[in-house]
């Protein structure tokens, strides 16, 4: 994605959300080591770097997410929220940062997720995507999986038919 005015506006909006989230939920740890390699990085790497979890917490969360031992596997973000007390808003905004890095460092690759496609099209604002990502993580942590498209449609931001058409185009 180029540095067009619309891209710069999207970048600024995501970074504003990130700074707002950091001010509402300060990291409990000192920043960790910077992720190695080129962005985008893995979710846990961002969170260690930001100081929301330690490297040891990340390893524990990965084991929790994989369901090693007793529990069934869950998404890493859910394990971080439910067992490691990372606020869902932090997970949502870190996913937005990851999406921004994907768009900036791999602009020629198609979007991996519906939310990224909707941001690229300017069909959804970063604030709206952050709301539904946070809802999705929180709902899953309480035992309810709701697709991101259903959450977007429930808010009335984009209707279900339009979302289905977008997903169909993404898969082709």
N, C-alpha and C. Protein backbone atom coordinates (compact mmCIF):
# COMPACT_ATOMS: atom_id res chain seq x y z
N UNK A 1 0.85 -1.17 0.00
CA UNK A 1 0.00 0.00 0.00
C UNK A 1 0.90 1.23 0.00
N UNK A 2 0.62 2.17 -0.84
CA UNK A 2 1.46 3.35 -0.97
C UNK A 2 1.21 4.31 0.19
N UNK A 3 2.01 5.37 0.21
CA UNK A 3 1.82 6.39 1.22
C UNK A 3 0.85 7.45 0.72
N UNK A 4 -0.29 7.02 0.24
CA UNK A 4 -1.32 7.92 -0.25
C UNK A 4 -1.95 8.63 0.94
N UNK A 5 -2.65 9.73 0.69
CA UNK A 5 -3.32 10.42 1.80
C UNK A 5 -4.28 9.50 2.57
N UNK A 6 -4.98 8.60 1.86
CA UNK A 6 -5.91 7.71 2.56
C UNK A 6 -5.14 6.71 3.43
N UNK A 7 -3.98 6.26 2.94
CA UNK A 7 -3.16 5.35 3.74
C UNK A 7 -2.62 6.07 4.98
N UNK A 8 -2.15 7.28 4.80
CA UNK A 8 -1.62 8.04 5.94
C UNK A 8 -2.71 8.32 6.96
N UNK A 9 -3.92 8.56 6.50
CA UNK A 9 -5.05 8.78 7.40
C UNK A 9 -5.36 7.50 8.19
N UNK A 10 -5.34 6.35 7.50
CA UNK A 10 -5.57 5.07 8.16
C UNK A 10 -4.48 4.79 9.18
N UNK A 11 -3.23 5.02 8.79
CA UNK A 11 -2.10 4.82 9.69
C UNK A 11 -2.25 5.68 10.94
N UNK A 12 -2.56 6.95 10.75
CA UNK A 12 -2.72 7.87 11.88
C UNK A 12 -3.86 7.42 12.80
N UNK A 13 -4.96 6.97 12.22
CA UNK A 13 -6.10 6.52 13.03
C UNK A 13 -5.74 5.30 13.86
N UNK A 14 -5.02 4.34 13.27
CA UNK A 14 -4.61 3.14 14.01
C UNK A 14 -3.64 3.50 15.12
N UNK A 15 -2.68 4.37 14.82
CA UNK A 15 -1.72 4.76 15.86
C UNK A 15 -2.39 5.56 16.97
N UNK A 16 -3.35 6.41 16.62
CA UNK A 16 -4.11 7.14 17.66
C UNK A 16 -4.84 6.17 18.58
N UNK A 17 -5.47 5.15 18.00
CA UNK A 17 -6.14 4.13 18.81
C UNK A 17 -5.15 3.40 19.71
N UNK A 18 -4.00 3.08 19.16
CA UNK A 18 -2.98 2.39 19.94
C UNK A 18 -2.55 3.25 21.13
N UNK A 19 -2.25 4.52 20.90
CA UNK A 19 -1.80 5.40 21.99
C UNK A 19 -2.90 5.59 23.03
N UNK A 20 -4.14 5.68 22.58
CA UNK A 20 -5.26 5.78 23.51
C UNK A 20 -5.36 4.52 24.37
N UNK A 21 -5.18 3.37 23.75
CA UNK A 21 -5.25 2.10 24.48
C UNK A 21 -4.12 2.00 25.50
N UNK A 22 -2.92 2.39 25.10
CA UNK A 22 -1.78 2.34 26.02
C UNK A 22 -2.03 3.27 27.21
N UNK A 23 -2.65 4.41 26.97
CA UNK A 23 -2.91 5.32 28.09
C UNK A 23 -4.00 4.77 29.02
N UNK A 24 -4.99 4.06 28.45
CA UNK A 24 -6.05 3.46 29.28
C UNK A 24 -5.58 2.19 29.98
N UNK A 25 -4.71 1.44 29.31
CA UNK A 25 -4.21 0.17 29.85
C UNK A 25 -2.69 0.15 29.75
N UNK A 26 -2.01 0.82 30.69
CA UNK A 26 -0.54 0.85 30.61
C UNK A 26 0.06 -0.56 30.72
N UNK A 27 1.13 -0.80 29.98
CA UNK A 27 1.78 -2.11 30.08
C UNK A 27 2.33 -2.34 31.48
N UNK A 28 2.16 -3.54 32.03
CA UNK A 28 2.64 -3.81 33.38
C UNK A 28 4.13 -4.14 33.46
N UNK A 29 4.77 -4.36 32.32
CA UNK A 29 6.18 -4.74 32.30
C UNK A 29 6.97 -3.74 31.47
N UNK A 30 8.27 -3.77 31.66
CA UNK A 30 9.16 -2.99 30.79
C UNK A 30 9.09 -3.58 29.39
N UNK A 31 9.29 -2.75 28.37
CA UNK A 31 9.27 -3.30 27.01
C UNK A 31 10.29 -4.43 26.86
N UNK A 32 9.89 -5.45 26.12
CA UNK A 32 10.76 -6.59 25.85
C UNK A 32 11.62 -6.34 24.64
N UNK A 33 12.31 -7.36 24.24
CA UNK A 33 13.17 -7.27 23.06
C UNK A 33 12.34 -6.98 21.82
N UNK A 34 12.91 -6.20 20.93
CA UNK A 34 12.24 -5.90 19.67
C UNK A 34 12.11 -7.19 18.86
N UNK A 35 10.98 -7.37 18.21
CA UNK A 35 10.82 -8.58 17.38
C UNK A 35 11.90 -8.63 16.30
N UNK A 36 12.36 -9.83 16.00
CA UNK A 36 13.37 -9.99 14.96
C UNK A 36 12.70 -10.20 13.61
N UNK A 37 13.44 -9.94 12.58
CA UNK A 37 12.90 -10.12 11.23
C UNK A 37 12.04 -8.95 10.80
N UNK A 38 11.54 -9.06 9.60
CA UNK A 38 10.70 -8.00 9.05
C UNK A 38 9.28 -8.12 9.54
N UNK A 39 8.60 -6.98 9.71
CA UNK A 39 7.17 -7.02 10.05
C UNK A 39 6.38 -7.59 8.89
N UNK A 40 5.18 -8.04 9.08
CA UNK A 40 4.47 -8.07 10.37
C UNK A 40 4.99 -9.21 11.25
N UNK A 41 4.87 -8.99 12.54
CA UNK A 41 5.31 -9.98 13.52
C UNK A 41 4.11 -10.73 14.07
N UNK A 42 4.40 -11.72 14.87
CA UNK A 42 3.32 -12.48 15.51
C UNK A 42 2.74 -11.67 16.66
N UNK A 43 1.50 -11.94 16.98
CA UNK A 43 0.79 -11.21 18.04
C UNK A 43 1.60 -11.19 19.33
N UNK A 44 2.08 -12.33 19.77
CA UNK A 44 2.82 -12.40 21.02
C UNK A 44 4.09 -11.56 21.01
N UNK A 45 4.76 -11.51 19.86
CA UNK A 45 5.98 -10.71 19.76
C UNK A 45 5.69 -9.23 19.97
N UNK A 46 4.59 -8.74 19.40
CA UNK A 46 4.21 -7.35 19.61
C UNK A 46 3.94 -7.10 21.10
N UNK A 47 3.21 -8.01 21.74
CA UNK A 47 2.82 -7.81 23.13
C UNK A 47 4.01 -7.86 24.08
N UNK A 48 5.00 -8.72 23.81
CA UNK A 48 6.23 -8.76 24.61
C UNK A 48 6.98 -7.44 24.43
N UNK A 49 7.13 -7.01 23.19
CA UNK A 49 7.84 -5.78 22.89
C UNK A 49 7.18 -4.57 23.56
N UNK A 50 5.86 -4.55 23.59
CA UNK A 50 5.13 -3.44 24.19
C UNK A 50 5.13 -3.50 25.72
N UNK A 51 5.47 -4.64 26.30
CA UNK A 51 5.50 -4.76 27.75
C UNK A 51 4.20 -5.26 28.37
N UNK A 52 3.29 -5.79 27.55
CA UNK A 52 2.04 -6.31 28.10
C UNK A 52 2.20 -7.71 28.68
N UNK A 53 3.17 -8.46 28.16
CA UNK A 53 3.48 -9.78 28.69
C UNK A 53 4.98 -9.98 28.64
N UNK A 54 5.46 -10.94 29.40
CA UNK A 54 6.88 -11.30 29.34
C UNK A 54 7.04 -12.47 28.37
N UNK A 55 8.26 -12.77 28.05
CA UNK A 55 8.53 -13.94 27.19
C UNK A 55 8.01 -15.21 27.84
N UNK A 56 8.16 -15.30 29.15
CA UNK A 56 7.65 -16.47 29.88
C UNK A 56 6.12 -16.54 29.80
N UNK A 57 5.46 -15.38 29.94
CA UNK A 57 3.99 -15.34 29.81
C UNK A 57 3.57 -15.82 28.43
N UNK A 58 4.32 -15.39 27.41
CA UNK A 58 3.99 -15.78 26.03
C UNK A 58 4.07 -17.29 25.86
N UNK A 59 5.13 -17.89 26.35
CA UNK A 59 5.25 -19.35 26.24
C UNK A 59 4.11 -20.05 26.96
N UNK A 60 3.76 -19.57 28.13
CA UNK A 60 2.64 -20.15 28.88
C UNK A 60 1.33 -19.98 28.13
N UNK A 61 1.12 -18.78 27.55
CA UNK A 61 -0.11 -18.51 26.80
C UNK A 61 -0.20 -19.39 25.56
N UNK A 62 0.92 -19.61 24.90
CA UNK A 62 0.92 -20.48 23.71
C UNK A 62 0.53 -21.90 24.12
N UNK A 63 1.07 -22.38 25.23
CA UNK A 63 0.70 -23.71 25.71
C UNK A 63 -0.78 -23.75 26.08
N UNK A 64 -1.27 -22.69 26.74
CA UNK A 64 -2.69 -22.61 27.08
C UNK A 64 -3.55 -22.63 25.81
N UNK A 65 -3.14 -21.85 24.82
CA UNK A 65 -3.90 -21.75 23.57
C UNK A 65 -3.95 -23.08 22.84
N UNK A 66 -2.87 -23.83 22.92
CA UNK A 66 -2.82 -25.13 22.25
C UNK A 66 -3.60 -26.20 23.01
N UNK A 67 -4.03 -25.88 24.21
CA UNK A 67 -4.82 -26.82 24.98
C UNK A 67 -4.00 -27.99 25.50
N UNK A 68 -2.71 -27.76 25.69
CA UNK A 68 -1.86 -28.86 26.16
C UNK A 68 -2.33 -29.35 27.52
N UNK A 69 -2.52 -30.62 27.61
CA UNK A 69 -2.93 -31.20 28.87
C UNK A 69 -4.41 -31.42 28.94
N UNK A 70 -5.15 -30.42 29.36
CA UNK A 70 -6.54 -30.61 29.71
C UNK A 70 -7.53 -29.88 28.80
N UNK A 71 -7.29 -28.62 28.57
CA UNK A 71 -8.27 -27.78 27.90
C UNK A 71 -8.25 -27.96 26.38
N UNK A 72 -9.34 -27.52 25.74
CA UNK A 72 -9.38 -27.54 24.28
C UNK A 72 -8.63 -26.30 23.76
N UNK A 73 -8.08 -26.39 22.56
CA UNK A 73 -7.34 -25.25 22.00
C UNK A 73 -8.24 -24.02 21.85
N UNK A 74 -7.63 -22.84 22.03
CA UNK A 74 -8.33 -21.56 21.86
C UNK A 74 -7.39 -20.62 21.11
N UNK A 75 -7.93 -19.57 20.51
CA UNK A 75 -7.04 -18.57 19.89
C UNK A 75 -6.11 -17.96 20.94
N UNK A 76 -4.90 -17.62 20.53
CA UNK A 76 -3.91 -17.07 21.45
C UNK A 76 -4.45 -15.83 22.16
N UNK A 77 -5.12 -14.95 21.44
CA UNK A 77 -5.66 -13.73 22.06
C UNK A 77 -6.61 -14.05 23.19
N UNK A 78 -7.40 -15.10 23.04
CA UNK A 78 -8.35 -15.51 24.09
C UNK A 78 -7.58 -16.00 25.32
N UNK A 79 -6.55 -16.81 25.10
CA UNK A 79 -5.74 -17.30 26.23
C UNK A 79 -5.09 -16.13 26.95
N UNK A 80 -4.64 -15.14 26.21
CA UNK A 80 -4.01 -13.97 26.83
C UNK A 80 -5.02 -13.17 27.66
N UNK A 81 -6.23 -13.05 27.18
CA UNK A 81 -7.27 -12.31 27.91
C UNK A 81 -7.73 -13.09 29.14
N UNK A 82 -8.03 -14.37 28.96
CA UNK A 82 -8.64 -15.13 30.06
C UNK A 82 -7.64 -15.60 31.10
N UNK A 83 -6.45 -15.93 30.69
CA UNK A 83 -5.51 -16.53 31.65
C UNK A 83 -4.33 -15.64 31.99
N UNK A 84 -4.10 -14.61 31.21
CA UNK A 84 -2.93 -13.77 31.44
C UNK A 84 -3.30 -12.30 31.63
N UNK A 85 -4.58 -12.02 31.72
CA UNK A 85 -5.12 -10.71 32.06
C UNK A 85 -4.70 -9.56 31.14
N UNK A 86 -4.50 -9.87 29.89
CA UNK A 86 -4.26 -8.81 28.90
C UNK A 86 -5.64 -8.30 28.50
N UNK A 87 -5.89 -7.00 28.60
CA UNK A 87 -7.21 -6.48 28.22
C UNK A 87 -7.55 -6.77 26.76
N UNK A 88 -8.80 -7.11 26.51
CA UNK A 88 -9.23 -7.40 25.14
C UNK A 88 -8.98 -6.21 24.21
N UNK A 89 -9.08 -4.99 24.74
CA UNK A 89 -8.81 -3.81 23.91
C UNK A 89 -7.36 -3.78 23.45
N UNK A 90 -6.44 -4.25 24.28
CA UNK A 90 -5.03 -4.32 23.92
C UNK A 90 -4.83 -5.33 22.79
N UNK A 91 -5.49 -6.49 22.91
CA UNK A 91 -5.39 -7.51 21.85
C UNK A 91 -5.92 -6.93 20.55
N UNK A 92 -7.10 -6.30 20.59
CA UNK A 92 -7.72 -5.75 19.38
C UNK A 92 -6.81 -4.72 18.72
N UNK A 93 -6.26 -3.81 19.51
CA UNK A 93 -5.42 -2.77 18.93
C UNK A 93 -4.08 -3.30 18.45
N UNK A 94 -3.57 -4.33 19.10
CA UNK A 94 -2.33 -4.95 18.62
C UNK A 94 -2.58 -5.65 17.29
N UNK A 95 -3.74 -6.26 17.14
CA UNK A 95 -4.09 -6.87 15.85
C UNK A 95 -4.19 -5.80 14.76
N UNK A 96 -4.67 -4.61 15.11
CA UNK A 96 -4.71 -3.52 14.14
C UNK A 96 -3.29 -3.10 13.74
N UNK A 97 -2.38 -3.05 14.71
CA UNK A 97 -0.98 -2.72 14.39
C UNK A 97 -0.38 -3.77 13.46
N UNK A 98 -0.69 -5.04 13.74
CA UNK A 98 -0.21 -6.14 12.90
C UNK A 98 -0.76 -5.99 11.47
N UNK A 99 -2.02 -5.63 11.36
CA UNK A 99 -2.65 -5.41 10.06
C UNK A 99 -1.99 -4.24 9.33
N UNK A 100 -1.72 -3.17 10.06
CA UNK A 100 -1.05 -2.02 9.46
C UNK A 100 0.33 -2.42 8.92
N UNK A 101 1.08 -3.19 9.72
CA UNK A 101 2.38 -3.66 9.26
C UNK A 101 2.25 -4.54 8.02
N UNK A 102 1.24 -5.41 8.00
CA UNK A 102 1.02 -6.26 6.82
C UNK A 102 0.77 -5.39 5.59
N UNK A 103 -0.04 -4.37 5.74
CA UNK A 103 -0.37 -3.49 4.62
C UNK A 103 0.85 -2.68 4.16
N UNK A 104 1.70 -2.28 5.12
CA UNK A 104 2.85 -1.45 4.77
C UNK A 104 4.03 -2.25 4.25
N UNK A 105 4.29 -3.41 4.84
CA UNK A 105 5.48 -4.17 4.49
C UNK A 105 5.23 -5.25 3.44
N UNK A 106 3.96 -5.58 3.21
CA UNK A 106 3.62 -6.58 2.21
C UNK A 106 2.44 -6.07 1.37
N UNK A 107 2.60 -4.91 0.77
CA UNK A 107 1.47 -4.27 0.09
C UNK A 107 0.92 -5.04 -1.11
N UNK A 108 1.74 -5.90 -1.69
CA UNK A 108 1.28 -6.62 -2.87
C UNK A 108 0.55 -7.91 -2.53
N UNK A 109 0.60 -8.33 -1.27
CA UNK A 109 -0.13 -9.53 -0.87
C UNK A 109 -1.58 -9.17 -0.59
N UNK A 110 -2.49 -10.03 -0.99
CA UNK A 110 -3.91 -9.73 -0.71
C UNK A 110 -4.18 -9.79 0.79
N UNK A 111 -5.21 -9.10 1.23
CA UNK A 111 -5.57 -9.14 2.65
C UNK A 111 -5.81 -10.57 3.13
N UNK A 112 -5.36 -10.85 4.34
CA UNK A 112 -5.53 -12.19 4.92
C UNK A 112 -6.87 -12.33 5.62
N UNK A 113 -7.41 -11.22 6.10
CA UNK A 113 -8.62 -11.27 6.91
C UNK A 113 -9.63 -10.25 6.41
N UNK A 114 -10.88 -10.52 6.71
CA UNK A 114 -11.96 -9.63 6.31
C UNK A 114 -11.74 -8.21 6.84
N UNK A 115 -11.35 -8.08 8.09
CA UNK A 115 -11.12 -6.75 8.66
C UNK A 115 -10.09 -5.96 7.89
N UNK A 116 -9.02 -6.61 7.47
CA UNK A 116 -8.00 -5.93 6.70
C UNK A 116 -8.56 -5.46 5.36
N UNK A 117 -9.35 -6.30 4.71
CA UNK A 117 -9.95 -5.92 3.44
C UNK A 117 -10.87 -4.71 3.62
N UNK A 118 -11.65 -4.72 4.67
CA UNK A 118 -12.58 -3.61 4.92
C UNK A 118 -11.84 -2.31 5.25
N UNK A 119 -10.70 -2.41 5.92
CA UNK A 119 -9.89 -1.22 6.17
C UNK A 119 -9.30 -0.69 4.87
N UNK A 120 -8.79 -1.59 4.04
CA UNK A 120 -8.21 -1.18 2.76
C UNK A 120 -9.23 -0.47 1.88
N UNK A 121 -10.47 -0.97 1.91
CA UNK A 121 -11.53 -0.38 1.10
C UNK A 121 -12.13 0.87 1.74
N UNK A 122 -11.74 1.16 2.97
CA UNK A 122 -12.33 2.24 3.76
C UNK A 122 -13.82 2.00 4.00
N UNK A 123 -14.21 0.73 4.04
CA UNK A 123 -15.59 0.36 4.33
C UNK A 123 -15.85 0.32 5.84
N UNK A 124 -14.76 0.27 6.60
CA UNK A 124 -14.84 0.20 8.05
C UNK A 124 -13.70 1.05 8.59
N UNK A 125 -13.93 1.74 9.69
CA UNK A 125 -12.87 2.53 10.30
C UNK A 125 -12.06 1.66 11.26
N UNK A 126 -10.85 2.05 11.57
CA UNK A 126 -10.09 1.30 12.57
C UNK A 126 -10.82 1.22 13.91
N UNK A 127 -11.52 2.28 14.28
CA UNK A 127 -12.27 2.26 15.54
C UNK A 127 -13.36 1.20 15.51
N UNK A 128 -14.07 1.09 14.40
CA UNK A 128 -15.12 0.07 14.28
C UNK A 128 -14.53 -1.33 14.32
N UNK A 129 -13.42 -1.54 13.60
CA UNK A 129 -12.80 -2.85 13.61
C UNK A 129 -12.29 -3.20 15.00
N UNK A 130 -11.73 -2.22 15.71
CA UNK A 130 -11.26 -2.48 17.07
C UNK A 130 -12.41 -2.91 17.97
N UNK A 131 -13.57 -2.28 17.81
CA UNK A 131 -14.75 -2.64 18.62
C UNK A 131 -15.13 -4.09 18.39
N UNK A 132 -15.24 -4.51 17.12
CA UNK A 132 -15.69 -5.88 16.87
C UNK A 132 -14.61 -6.91 17.20
N UNK A 133 -13.34 -6.56 17.03
CA UNK A 133 -12.27 -7.48 17.44
C UNK A 133 -12.31 -7.70 18.95
N UNK A 134 -12.48 -6.61 19.68
CA UNK A 134 -12.58 -6.72 21.14
C UNK A 134 -13.80 -7.55 21.55
N UNK A 135 -14.92 -7.30 20.89
CA UNK A 135 -16.13 -8.09 21.17
C UNK A 135 -15.90 -9.56 20.86
N UNK A 136 -15.25 -9.85 19.75
CA UNK A 136 -15.03 -11.24 19.36
C UNK A 136 -14.17 -11.96 20.38
N UNK A 137 -13.10 -11.34 20.84
CA UNK A 137 -12.22 -11.96 21.83
C UNK A 137 -12.97 -12.15 23.14
N UNK A 138 -13.69 -11.12 23.58
CA UNK A 138 -14.43 -11.21 24.85
C UNK A 138 -15.53 -12.26 24.78
N UNK A 139 -16.26 -12.30 23.67
CA UNK A 139 -17.33 -13.30 23.52
C UNK A 139 -16.76 -14.71 23.53
N UNK A 140 -15.65 -14.91 22.82
CA UNK A 140 -15.05 -16.25 22.76
C UNK A 140 -14.57 -16.66 24.15
N UNK A 141 -14.01 -15.71 24.88
CA UNK A 141 -13.54 -16.00 26.24
C UNK A 141 -14.69 -16.46 27.13
N UNK A 142 -15.91 -16.05 26.79
CA UNK A 142 -17.09 -16.45 27.56
C UNK A 142 -17.82 -17.62 26.91
N UNK A 143 -17.16 -18.26 25.93
CA UNK A 143 -17.71 -19.47 25.34
C UNK A 143 -18.57 -19.28 24.11
N UNK A 144 -18.56 -18.08 23.52
CA UNK A 144 -19.39 -17.80 22.34
C UNK A 144 -18.51 -17.33 21.20
N UNK A 145 -18.46 -18.11 20.11
CA UNK A 145 -17.71 -17.69 18.93
C UNK A 145 -18.66 -17.03 17.96
N UNK A 146 -18.37 -15.78 17.61
CA UNK A 146 -19.18 -15.05 16.64
C UNK A 146 -18.23 -14.54 15.56
N UNK A 147 -18.57 -14.82 14.31
CA UNK A 147 -17.72 -14.38 13.20
C UNK A 147 -17.68 -12.86 13.15
N UNK A 148 -16.53 -12.34 12.74
CA UNK A 148 -16.34 -10.90 12.69
C UNK A 148 -17.38 -10.24 11.77
N UNK A 149 -17.70 -10.89 10.66
CA UNK A 149 -18.70 -10.33 9.75
C UNK A 149 -20.07 -10.22 10.40
N UNK A 150 -20.42 -11.21 11.22
CA UNK A 150 -21.71 -11.14 11.93
C UNK A 150 -21.72 -10.00 12.93
N UNK A 151 -20.59 -9.77 13.60
CA UNK A 151 -20.52 -8.65 14.55
C UNK A 151 -20.65 -7.31 13.82
N UNK A 152 -20.00 -7.20 12.67
CA UNK A 152 -20.08 -5.97 11.88
C UNK A 152 -21.52 -5.73 11.43
N UNK A 153 -22.18 -6.79 10.93
CA UNK A 153 -23.57 -6.67 10.49
C UNK A 153 -24.49 -6.35 11.67
N UNK A 154 -24.23 -6.95 12.84
CA UNK A 154 -25.06 -6.67 14.02
C UNK A 154 -25.00 -5.20 14.42
N UNK A 155 -23.87 -4.56 14.18
CA UNK A 155 -23.73 -3.13 14.48
C UNK A 155 -24.41 -2.27 13.40
N UNK A 156 -24.70 -2.89 12.25
CA UNK A 156 -25.34 -2.15 11.16
C UNK A 156 -24.37 -1.35 10.31
N UNK A 157 -23.08 -1.62 10.42
CA UNK A 157 -22.10 -0.86 9.66
C UNK A 157 -22.06 -1.31 8.20
N UNK A 158 -22.21 -2.61 7.97
CA UNK A 158 -22.25 -3.17 6.62
C UNK A 158 -23.24 -4.32 6.68
N UNK A 159 -24.11 -4.44 5.67
CA UNK A 159 -25.10 -5.51 5.75
C UNK A 159 -24.48 -6.87 5.38
N UNK A 160 -25.15 -7.93 5.81
CA UNK A 160 -24.65 -9.29 5.65
C UNK A 160 -24.42 -9.66 4.19
N UNK A 161 -25.30 -9.22 3.29
CA UNK A 161 -25.14 -9.53 1.86
C UNK A 161 -23.86 -8.92 1.30
N UNK A 162 -23.59 -7.67 1.66
CA UNK A 162 -22.37 -7.00 1.18
C UNK A 162 -21.13 -7.69 1.74
N UNK A 163 -21.18 -8.10 3.00
CA UNK A 163 -20.05 -8.80 3.60
C UNK A 163 -19.79 -10.14 2.91
N UNK A 164 -20.87 -10.85 2.60
CA UNK A 164 -20.74 -12.13 1.90
C UNK A 164 -20.10 -11.92 0.54
N UNK A 165 -20.49 -10.88 -0.16
CA UNK A 165 -19.91 -10.59 -1.48
C UNK A 165 -18.42 -10.26 -1.35
N UNK A 166 -18.05 -9.53 -0.33
CA UNK A 166 -16.64 -9.17 -0.12
C UNK A 166 -15.81 -10.43 0.16
N UNK A 167 -16.34 -11.30 1.01
CA UNK A 167 -15.63 -12.56 1.32
C UNK A 167 -15.49 -13.41 0.07
N UNK A 168 -16.52 -13.47 -0.74
CA UNK A 168 -16.48 -14.25 -1.98
C UNK A 168 -15.36 -13.73 -2.90
N UNK A 169 -15.25 -12.41 -3.02
CA UNK A 169 -14.21 -11.82 -3.85
C UNK A 169 -12.82 -12.12 -3.27
N UNK A 170 -12.70 -12.07 -1.95
CA UNK A 170 -11.41 -12.35 -1.30
C UNK A 170 -10.95 -13.78 -1.58
N UNK A 171 -11.89 -14.72 -1.63
CA UNK A 171 -11.55 -16.12 -1.82
C UNK A 171 -11.24 -16.47 -3.28
N UNK A 172 -11.62 -15.59 -4.21
CA UNK A 172 -11.41 -15.91 -5.62
C UNK A 172 -10.05 -15.48 -6.11
